[in-house]
């Protein structure tokens, strides 16, 4: 019996894959038969470390350093990947948070912020997805196949107090994904979103290690634990595989019951 989650030697490009959820996604894809995984991160040493782990799992790997909000830089990165591997079958837009240069004033109330405080969230979470998709999609159209998975947040689906620009960016990605799915379906290219809630990563480790804070947080979850990178990677693998070939334009929460999808 064939394994529908087997990726059959396909080439994957994962942004923000130097740690946390992105790292686990890159390794998951390698462990399930990806022929190559391109590992993007704005810190080269992190991308190289994950690329080495990918190769240990039997896949080819390429480490690319760059900020996804840099349109010209993304164009060069994708061109480098295409010259090496010939095509990209799976794109996972995972890069998030506020990018490499967050400002100290991002934690202020929205009505006390300035546009420069919003730009990190909008540039990485929204424009980063547009940039990478812009340069990967033509190769998918040419080959008549592709899987695009965009990582968003329940901040964009449900709203999150004090994170208005971030929520706006993630909601924007969901809308972009639906439009992209409508445009690309005739080329056998699917586009879907995975929406995460509180997930254990290097960025959240400090907050989640505070027992009182974690208990207060988990009171909002039906399944009383935080998400793990594997929870996200499992759904990404499904959406990247042939098992999800008739699924597109959807946003699927992986959130322990923090919010529901209609």
C-alpha atoms as a PDB file:
ATOM      1  CA  UNK A   1       0.000   0.000   0.000  1.00  0.00           C
ATOM      2  CA  UNK A   2       1.412   3.390  -0.946  1.00  0.00           C
ATOM      3  CA  UNK A   3       2.092   6.050   1.692  1.00  0.00           C
ATOM      4  CA  UNK A   4       0.192   9.219   0.787  1.00  0.00           C
ATOM      5  CA  UNK A   5       2.471  11.256   3.063  1.00  0.00           C
ATOM      6  CA  UNK A   6       5.584  10.176   1.166  1.00  0.00           C
ATOM      7  CA  UNK A   7       6.971  13.232  -0.629  1.00  0.00           C
ATOM      8  CA  UNK A   8       8.544  11.279  -3.495  1.00  0.00           C
ATOM      9  CA  UNK A   9      11.787  13.194  -3.759  1.00  0.00           C
ATOM     10  CA  UNK A  10      10.192  16.609  -4.121  1.00  0.00           C
ATOM     11  CA  UNK A  11      12.038  19.836  -3.400  1.00  0.00           C
ATOM     12  CA  UNK A  12      10.851  22.031  -0.530  1.00  0.00           C
ATOM     13  CA  UNK A  13      11.664  25.635   0.373  1.00  0.00           C
ATOM     14  CA  UNK A  14      11.033  26.580   4.026  1.00  0.00           C
ATOM     15  CA  UNK A  15      11.464  30.153   5.239  1.00  0.00           C
ATOM     16  CA  UNK A  16      12.406  31.020   8.804  1.00  0.00           C
ATOM     17  CA  UNK A  17      13.587  27.437   9.248  1.00  0.00           C
ATOM     18  CA  UNK A  18      16.624  28.044  11.438  1.00  0.00           C
ATOM     19  CA  UNK A  19      14.841  27.177  14.672  1.00  0.00           C
ATOM     20  CA  UNK A  20      11.497  26.378  16.279  1.00  0.00           C
ATOM     21  CA  UNK A  21       8.553  25.437  14.093  1.00  0.00           C
ATOM     22  CA  UNK A  22      10.422  26.083  10.840  1.00  0.00           C
ATOM     23  CA  UNK A  23      13.256  23.768  11.818  1.00  0.00           C
ATOM     24  CA  UNK A  24      10.844  20.974  12.695  1.00  0.00           C
ATOM     25  CA  UNK A  25       8.976  21.429   9.409  1.00  0.00           C
ATOM     26  CA  UNK A  26      12.223  21.172   7.423  1.00  0.00           C
ATOM     27  CA  UNK A  27      13.201  17.996   9.264  1.00  0.00           C
ATOM     28  CA  UNK A  28       9.705  16.501   8.950  1.00  0.00           C
ATOM     29  CA  UNK A  29       9.778  16.977   5.186  1.00  0.00           C
ATOM     30  CA  UNK A  30      13.218  15.380   4.981  1.00  0.00           C
ATOM     31  CA  UNK A  31      12.082  12.449   7.122  1.00  0.00           C
ATOM     32  CA  UNK A  32       9.161  11.804   4.765  1.00  0.00           C
ATOM     33  CA  UNK A  33      11.015  11.582   1.497  1.00  0.00           C
ATOM     34  CA  UNK A  34      11.724  15.118   0.332  1.00  0.00           C
ATOM     35  CA  UNK A  35      14.558  14.986  -2.170  1.00  0.00           C
ATOM     36  CA  UNK A  36      15.873  18.385  -1.101  1.00  0.00           C
ATOM     37  CA  UNK A  37      15.044  21.016   1.493  1.00  0.00           C
ATOM     38  CA  UNK A  38      16.099  24.648   1.106  1.00  0.00           C
ATOM     39  CA  UNK A  39      16.507  26.147   4.576  1.00  0.00           C
ATOM     40  CA  UNK A  40      16.084  29.915   4.809  1.00  0.00           C
ATOM     41  CA  UNK A  41      16.856  32.017   7.882  1.00  0.00           C
ATOM     42  CA  UNK A  42      18.149  35.552   8.374  1.00  0.00           C
ATOM     43  CA  UNK A  43      21.032  34.047  10.376  1.00  0.00           C
ATOM     44  CA  UNK A  44      23.268  31.906   8.184  1.00  0.00           C
ATOM     45  CA  UNK A  45      24.644  29.819  11.038  1.00  0.00           C
ATOM     46  CA  UNK A  46      21.152  28.694  12.030  1.00  0.00           C
ATOM     47  CA  UNK A  47      20.244  27.815   8.441  1.00  0.00           C
ATOM     48  CA  UNK A  48      23.470  25.859   8.047  1.00  0.00           C
ATOM     49  CA  UNK A  49      22.888  23.902  11.255  1.00  0.00           C
ATOM     50  CA  UNK A  50      19.416  22.826  10.147  1.00  0.00           C
ATOM     51  CA  UNK A  51      20.646  22.055   6.635  1.00  0.00           C
ATOM     52  CA  UNK A  52      23.169  19.687   8.188  1.00  0.00           C
ATOM     53  CA  UNK A  53      20.354  17.970  10.107  1.00  0.00           C
ATOM     54  CA  UNK A  54      18.364  17.656   6.879  1.00  0.00           C
ATOM     55  CA  UNK A  55      21.297  15.938   5.194  1.00  0.00           C
ATOM     56  CA  UNK A  56      21.622  13.537   8.128  1.00  0.00           C
ATOM     57  CA  UNK A  57      18.093  12.405   7.263  1.00  0.00           C
ATOM     58  CA  UNK A  58      19.056  11.571   3.704  1.00  0.00           C
ATOM     59  CA  UNK A  59      17.846  14.644   1.802  1.00  0.00           C
ATOM     60  CA  UNK A  60      19.912  17.179  -0.071  1.00  0.00           C
ATOM     61  CA  UNK A  61      19.964  20.590   1.572  1.00  0.00           C
ATOM     62  CA  UNK A  62      20.806  24.198   0.872  1.00  0.00           C
ATOM     63  CA  UNK A  63      21.206  26.924   3.506  1.00  0.00           C
ATOM     64  CA  UNK A  64      20.188  30.410   2.389  1.00  0.00           C
ATOM     65  CA  UNK A  65      20.601  33.472   4.592  1.00  0.00           C
ATOM     66  CA  UNK A  66      18.270  36.380   4.012  1.00  0.00           C
ATOM     67  CA  UNK A  67      15.388  38.485   5.255  1.00  0.00           C
ATOM     68  CA  UNK A  68      12.154  37.539   3.492  1.00  0.00           C
ATOM     69  CA  UNK A  69      11.033  41.175   3.544  1.00  0.00           C
ATOM     70  CA  UNK A  70      13.884  42.079   1.146  1.00  0.00           C
ATOM     71  CA  UNK A  71      12.261  41.737  -2.298  1.00  0.00           C
ATOM     72  CA  UNK A  72      15.519  41.774  -4.236  1.00  0.00           C
ATOM     73  CA  UNK A  73      17.206  39.438  -1.792  1.00  0.00           C
ATOM     74  CA  UNK A  74      14.366  36.930  -2.045  1.00  0.00           C
ATOM     75  CA  UNK A  75      14.576  37.034  -5.835  1.00  0.00           C
ATOM     76  CA  UNK A  76      18.270  36.160  -5.630  1.00  0.00           C
ATOM     77  CA  UNK A  77      17.706  33.388  -3.077  1.00  0.00           C
ATOM     78  CA  UNK A  78      14.999  31.722  -5.132  1.00  0.00           C
ATOM     79  CA  UNK A  79      17.108  32.019  -8.291  1.00  0.00           C
ATOM     80  CA  UNK A  80      19.976  30.314  -6.457  1.00  0.00           C
ATOM     81  CA  UNK A  81      17.710  27.486  -5.340  1.00  0.00           C
ATOM     82  CA  UNK A  82      16.224  27.024  -8.796  1.00  0.00           C
ATOM     83  CA  UNK A  83      19.644  26.928 -10.426  1.00  0.00           C
ATOM     84  CA  UNK A  84      20.665  24.143  -8.046  1.00  0.00           C
ATOM     85  CA  UNK A  85      17.502  22.041  -7.962  1.00  0.00           C
ATOM     86  CA  UNK A  86      15.664  22.963 -11.162  1.00  0.00           C
ATOM     87  CA  UNK A  87      12.281  23.519  -9.527  1.00  0.00           C
ATOM     88  CA  UNK A  88      10.522  23.988  -6.206  1.00  0.00           C
ATOM     89  CA  UNK A  89       7.550  21.724  -5.473  1.00  0.00           C
ATOM     90  CA  UNK A  90       6.696  22.761  -1.905  1.00  0.00           C
ATOM     91  CA  UNK A  91       6.845  26.265  -0.426  1.00  0.00           C
ATOM     92  CA  UNK A  92       6.343  26.754   3.302  1.00  0.00           C
ATOM     93  CA  UNK A  93       6.173  30.421   4.269  1.00  0.00           C
ATOM     94  CA  UNK A  94       7.013  30.109   7.948  1.00  0.00           C
ATOM     95  CA  UNK A  95       9.132  33.209   8.688  1.00  0.00           C
ATOM     96  CA  UNK A  96       7.328  35.356  11.228  1.00  0.00           C
ATOM     97  CA  UNK A  97       7.470  37.543  14.313  1.00  0.00           C
ATOM     98  CA  UNK A  98       9.018  40.989  13.809  1.00  0.00           C
ATOM     99  CA  UNK A  99      11.978  40.054  11.641  1.00  0.00           C
ATOM    100  CA  UNK A 100      15.639  40.658  12.444  1.00  0.00           C
ATOM    101  CA  UNK A 101      15.242  44.222  13.763  1.00  0.00           C
ATOM    102  CA  UNK A 102      12.314  44.546  16.199  1.00  0.00           C
ATOM    103  CA  UNK A 103      11.838  47.910  17.864  1.00  0.00           C
ATOM    104  CA  UNK A 104      11.586  48.524  21.600  1.00  0.00           C
ATOM    105  CA  UNK A 105       8.281  50.330  21.154  1.00  0.00           C
ATOM    106  CA  UNK A 106       6.361  47.419  19.612  1.00  0.00           C
ATOM    107  CA  UNK A 107       4.956  46.508  23.018  1.00  0.00           C
ATOM    108  CA  UNK A 108       3.243  49.885  23.455  1.00  0.00           C
ATOM    109  CA  UNK A 109      -0.525  50.182  22.902  1.00  0.00           C
ATOM    110  CA  UNK A 110      -1.293  50.432  19.200  1.00  0.00           C
ATOM    111  CA  UNK A 111      -2.553  54.001  19.567  1.00  0.00           C
ATOM    112  CA  UNK A 112       0.861  55.014  20.925  1.00  0.00           C
ATOM    113  CA  UNK A 113       2.863  53.430  18.113  1.00  0.00           C
ATOM    114  CA  UNK A 114       4.248  54.882  14.901  1.00  0.00           C
ATOM    115  CA  UNK A 115       4.352  53.239  11.459  1.00  0.00           C
ATOM    116  CA  UNK A 116       7.949  52.143  11.973  1.00  0.00           C
ATOM    117  CA  UNK A 117       6.698  50.022  14.873  1.00  0.00           C
ATOM    118  CA  UNK A 118       4.274  48.195  12.587  1.00  0.00           C
ATOM    119  CA  UNK A 119       6.643  47.684   9.696  1.00  0.00           C
ATOM    120  CA  UNK A 120       8.563  44.755  11.182  1.00  0.00           C
ATOM    121  CA  UNK A 121       5.386  42.708  11.554  1.00  0.00           C
ATOM    122  CA  UNK A 122       3.932  43.725   8.204  1.00  0.00           C
ATOM    123  CA  UNK A 123       7.205  43.307   6.314  1.00  0.00           C
ATOM    124  CA  UNK A 124       8.028  39.832   7.624  1.00  0.00           C
ATOM    125  CA  UNK A 125       4.590  38.285   8.041  1.00  0.00           C
ATOM    126  CA  UNK A 126       2.780  39.741   5.025  1.00  0.00           C
ATOM    127  CA  UNK A 127       5.266  41.095   2.496  1.00  0.00           C
ATOM    128  CA  UNK A 128       7.619  38.195   3.188  1.00  0.00           C
ATOM    129  CA  UNK A 129       4.924  35.748   2.091  1.00  0.00           C
ATOM    130  CA  UNK A 130       4.143  37.809  -1.001  1.00  0.00           C
ATOM    131  CA  UNK A 131       7.820  38.131  -1.904  1.00  0.00           C
ATOM    132  CA  UNK A 132       8.679  34.452  -1.667  1.00  0.00           C
ATOM    133  CA  UNK A 133       5.480  33.366  -3.384  1.00  0.00           C
ATOM    134  CA  UNK A 134       6.105  35.870  -6.180  1.00  0.00           C
ATOM    135  CA  UNK A 135       9.364  34.191  -7.160  1.00  0.00           C
ATOM    136  CA  UNK A 136       8.530  30.546  -6.425  1.00  0.00           C
ATOM    137  CA  UNK A 137       5.114  30.377  -8.085  1.00  0.00           C
ATOM    138  CA  UNK A 138       6.372  30.759 -11.701  1.00  0.00           C
ATOM    139  CA  UNK A 139       8.385  27.549 -11.418  1.00  0.00           C
ATOM    140  CA  UNK A 140       5.321  25.759 -10.030  1.00  0.00           C
ATOM    141  CA  UNK A 141       3.150  27.045 -12.878  1.00  0.00           C
ATOM    142  CA  UNK A 142       5.738  25.910 -15.416  1.00  0.00           C
ATOM    143  CA  UNK A 143       5.873  22.391 -14.004  1.00  0.00           C
ATOM    144  CA  UNK A 144       2.102  22.183 -13.404  1.00  0.00           C
ATOM    145  CA  UNK A 145       2.403  21.216  -9.756  1.00  0.00           C
ATOM    146  CA  UNK A 146       2.918  22.823  -6.371  1.00  0.00           C
ATOM    147  CA  UNK A 147       2.045  22.933  -2.703  1.00  0.00           C
ATOM    148  CA  UNK A 148       2.060  26.261  -0.841  1.00  0.00           C
ATOM    149  CA  UNK A 149       1.604  26.277   2.930  1.00  0.00           C
ATOM    150  CA  UNK A 150       1.494  29.602   4.751  1.00  0.00           C
ATOM    151  CA  UNK A 151       1.922  29.680   8.506  1.00  0.00           C
ATOM    152  CA  UNK A 152      -0.372  32.153  10.231  1.00  0.00           C
ATOM    153  CA  UNK A 153      -1.647  32.629  13.773  1.00  0.00           C
ATOM    154  CA  UNK A 154      -4.919  32.617  15.642  1.00  0.00           C
ATOM    155  CA  UNK A 155      -4.048  36.264  16.256  1.00  0.00           C
ATOM    156  CA  UNK A 156      -5.136  36.721  12.641  1.00  0.00           C
ATOM    157  CA  UNK A 157      -8.231  34.502  12.878  1.00  0.00           C
ATOM    158  CA  UNK A 158      -9.465  35.350  16.356  1.00  0.00           C
ATOM    159  CA  UNK A 159      -7.675  38.593  17.256  1.00  0.00           C
ATOM    160  CA  UNK A 160      -5.170  39.109  20.027  1.00  0.00           C
ATOM    161  CA  UNK A 161      -5.082  41.975  22.472  1.00  0.00           C
ATOM    162  CA  UNK A 162      -2.046  44.199  22.049  1.00  0.00           C
ATOM    163  CA  UNK A 163      -0.879  42.672  18.753  1.00  0.00           C
ATOM    164  CA  UNK A 164      -2.874  44.610  16.207  1.00  0.00           C
ATOM    165  CA  UNK A 165      -0.260  44.960  13.422  1.00  0.00           C
ATOM    166  CA  UNK A 166       0.762  41.308  13.797  1.00  0.00           C
ATOM    167  CA  UNK A 167      -2.880  40.206  13.702  1.00  0.00           C
ATOM    168  CA  UNK A 168      -3.492  42.354  10.626  1.00  0.00           C
ATOM    169  CA  UNK A 169      -0.510  40.838   8.829  1.00  0.00           C
ATOM    170  CA  UNK A 170      -1.560  37.258   9.567  1.00  0.00           C
ATOM    171  CA  UNK A 171      -5.160  37.936   8.534  1.00  0.00           C
ATOM    172  CA  UNK A 172      -3.792  39.445   5.331  1.00  0.00           C
ATOM    173  CA  UNK A 173      -1.880  36.253   4.575  1.00  0.00           C
ATOM    174  CA  UNK A 174      -5.068  34.215   4.952  1.00  0.00           C
ATOM    175  CA  UNK A 175      -6.826  36.432   2.415  1.00  0.00           C
ATOM    176  CA  UNK A 176      -3.843  36.313   0.075  1.00  0.00           C
ATOM    177  CA  UNK A 177      -3.793  32.525   0.317  1.00  0.00           C
ATOM    178  CA  UNK A 178      -7.449  32.223  -0.671  1.00  0.00           C
ATOM    179  CA  UNK A 179      -6.893  34.448  -3.702  1.00  0.00           C
ATOM    180  CA  UNK A 180      -3.746  32.566  -4.655  1.00  0.00           C
ATOM    181  CA  UNK A 181      -5.598  29.261  -4.418  1.00  0.00           C
ATOM    182  CA  UNK A 182      -8.293  30.595  -6.740  1.00  0.00           C
ATOM    183  CA  UNK A 183      -5.699  31.687  -9.303  1.00  0.00           C
ATOM    184  CA  UNK A 184      -3.511  28.594  -9.183  1.00  0.00           C
ATOM    185  CA  UNK A 185      -5.919  25.671  -8.941  1.00  0.00           C
ATOM    186  CA  UNK A 186      -5.926  25.130 -12.710  1.00  0.00           C
ATOM    187  CA  UNK A 187      -2.180  24.476 -12.550  1.00  0.00           C
ATOM    188  CA  UNK A 188      -2.616  21.729  -9.931  1.00  0.00           C
ATOM    189  CA  UNK A 189      -1.136  24.030  -7.286  1.00  0.00           C
ATOM    190  CA  UNK A 190      -2.753  24.163  -3.860  1.00  0.00           C
ATOM    191  CA  UNK A 191      -2.406  26.940  -1.280  1.00  0.00           C
ATOM    192  CA  UNK A 192      -3.475  26.601   2.350  1.00  0.00           C
ATOM    193  CA  UNK A 193      -2.798  28.145   5.750  1.00  0.00           C
ATOM    194  CA  UNK A 194      -1.908  26.543   9.066  1.00  0.00           C
ATOM    195  CA  UNK A 195      -3.006  28.702  11.991  1.00  0.00           C
ATOM    196  CA  UNK A 196      -1.108  28.257  15.250  1.00  0.00           C
ATOM    197  CA  UNK A 197      -1.771  29.291  18.826  1.00  0.00           C
ATOM    198  CA  UNK A 198       0.707  29.149  21.747  1.00  0.00           C
ATOM    199  CA  UNK A 199       3.548  26.907  20.572  1.00  0.00           C
ATOM    200  CA  UNK A 200       6.790  26.130  22.365  1.00  0.00           C
ATOM    201  CA  UNK A 201       9.692  27.725  20.497  1.00  0.00           C
ATOM    202  CA  UNK A 202      12.911  29.489  21.559  1.00  0.00           C
ATOM    203  CA  UNK A 203      10.961  32.761  21.462  1.00  0.00           C
ATOM    204  CA  UNK A 204       8.175  31.558  23.792  1.00  0.00           C
ATOM    205  CA  UNK A 205      10.277  29.332  26.057  1.00  0.00           C
ATOM    206  CA  UNK A 206      10.806  31.989  28.725  1.00  0.00           C
ATOM    207  CA  UNK A 207       7.099  32.775  29.037  1.00  0.00           C
ATOM    208  CA  UNK A 208       6.054  29.123  29.039  1.00  0.00           C
ATOM    209  CA  UNK A 209       8.666  28.178  31.661  1.00  0.00           C
ATOM    210  CA  UNK A 210       6.928  30.552  34.116  1.00  0.00           C
ATOM    211  CA  UNK A 211       4.532  28.134  35.822  1.00  0.00           C
ATOM    212  CA  UNK A 212       2.000  30.756  36.870  1.00  0.00           C
ATOM    213  CA  UNK A 213       1.971  32.465  33.471  1.00  0.00           C
ATOM    214  CA  UNK A 214       1.698  29.140  31.654  1.00  0.00           C
ATOM    215  CA  UNK A 215      -1.219  28.039  33.845  1.00  0.00           C
ATOM    216  CA  UNK A 216      -3.070  31.292  33.149  1.00  0.00           C
ATOM    217  CA  UNK A 217      -2.427  30.915  29.427  1.00  0.00           C
ATOM    218  CA  UNK A 218      -3.523  27.288  29.253  1.00  0.00           C
ATOM    219  CA  UNK A 219      -6.837  28.075  30.946  1.00  0.00           C
ATOM    220  CA  UNK A 220      -7.968  29.232  27.477  1.00  0.00           C
ATOM    221  CA  UNK A 221      -7.142  25.879  25.836  1.00  0.00           C
ATOM    222  CA  UNK A 222      -9.392  22.820  25.776  1.00  0.00           C
ATOM    223  CA  UNK A 223      -6.344  20.589  25.516  1.00  0.00           C
ATOM    224  CA  UNK A 224      -4.295  21.807  28.469  1.00  0.00           C
ATOM    225  CA  UNK A 225      -0.846  21.888  26.964  1.00  0.00           C
ATOM    226  CA  UNK A 226       1.073  24.185  24.713  1.00  0.00           C
ATOM    227  CA  UNK A 227       1.626  23.290  21.107  1.00  0.00           C
ATOM    228  CA  UNK A 228       4.880  21.693  20.075  1.00  0.00           C
ATOM    229  CA  UNK A 229       6.671  22.258  16.751  1.00  0.00           C
ATOM    230  CA  UNK A 230       5.739  18.696  15.798  1.00  0.00           C
ATOM    231  CA  UNK A 231       2.024  19.573  15.981  1.00  0.00           C
ATOM    232  CA  UNK A 232       2.501  22.208  13.291  1.00  0.00           C
ATOM    233  CA  UNK A 233       4.872  20.075  11.215  1.00  0.00           C
ATOM    234  CA  UNK A 234       2.400  17.184  11.101  1.00  0.00           C
ATOM    235  CA  UNK A 235      -0.238  19.314   9.399  1.00  0.00           C
ATOM    236  CA  UNK A 236       2.280  20.961   7.071  1.00  0.00           C
ATOM    237  CA  UNK A 237       3.420  17.522   5.961  1.00  0.00           C
ATOM    238  CA  UNK A 238      -0.169  16.529   5.220  1.00  0.00           C
ATOM    239  CA  UNK A 239      -0.832  19.689   3.199  1.00  0.00           C
ATOM    240  CA  UNK A 240       2.443  19.230   1.299  1.00  0.00           C
ATOM    241  CA  UNK A 241       1.631  15.642   0.381  1.00  0.00           C
ATOM    242  CA  UNK A 242      -0.656  13.902  -2.089  1.00  0.00           C
ATOM    243  CA  UNK A 243      -3.034  13.183   0.790  1.00  0.00           C
ATOM    244  CA  UNK A 244      -4.211  16.820   0.552  1.00  0.00           C
ATOM    245  CA  UNK A 245      -4.399  17.017  -3.248  1.00  0.00           C
ATOM    246  CA  UNK A 246      -8.066  18.098  -3.204  1.00  0.00           C
ATOM    247  CA  UNK A 247      -7.708  20.682  -0.454  1.00  0.00           C
ATOM    248  CA  UNK A 248      -6.965  24.319  -1.239  1.00  0.00           C
ATOM    249  CA  UNK A 249      -7.808  27.831  -0.056  1.00  0.00           C
ATOM    250  CA  UNK A 250      -8.321  26.648   3.519  1.00  0.00           C
ATOM    251  CA  UNK A 251      -7.098  27.865   6.899  1.00  0.00           C
ATOM    252  CA  UNK A 252      -6.745  25.012   9.373  1.00  0.00           C
ATOM    253  CA  UNK A 253      -6.112  25.746  13.072  1.00  0.00           C
ATOM    254  CA  UNK A 254      -3.667  23.686  15.124  1.00  0.00           C
ATOM    255  CA  UNK A 255      -4.443  25.267  18.458  1.00  0.00           C
ATOM    256  CA  UNK A 256      -5.537  22.861  21.192  1.00  0.00           C
ATOM    257  CA  UNK A 257      -9.073  24.197  21.019  1.00  0.00           C
ATOM    258  CA  UNK A 258      -8.162  27.836  21.710  1.00  0.00           C
ATOM    259  CA  UNK A 259     -10.636  28.836  18.996  1.00  0.00           C
ATOM    260  CA  UNK A 260     -12.829  26.961  16.574  1.00  0.00           C
ATOM    261  CA  UNK A 261     -13.040  27.043  12.778  1.00  0.00           C
ATOM    262  CA  UNK A 262     -16.422  27.107  11.014  1.00  0.00           C
END
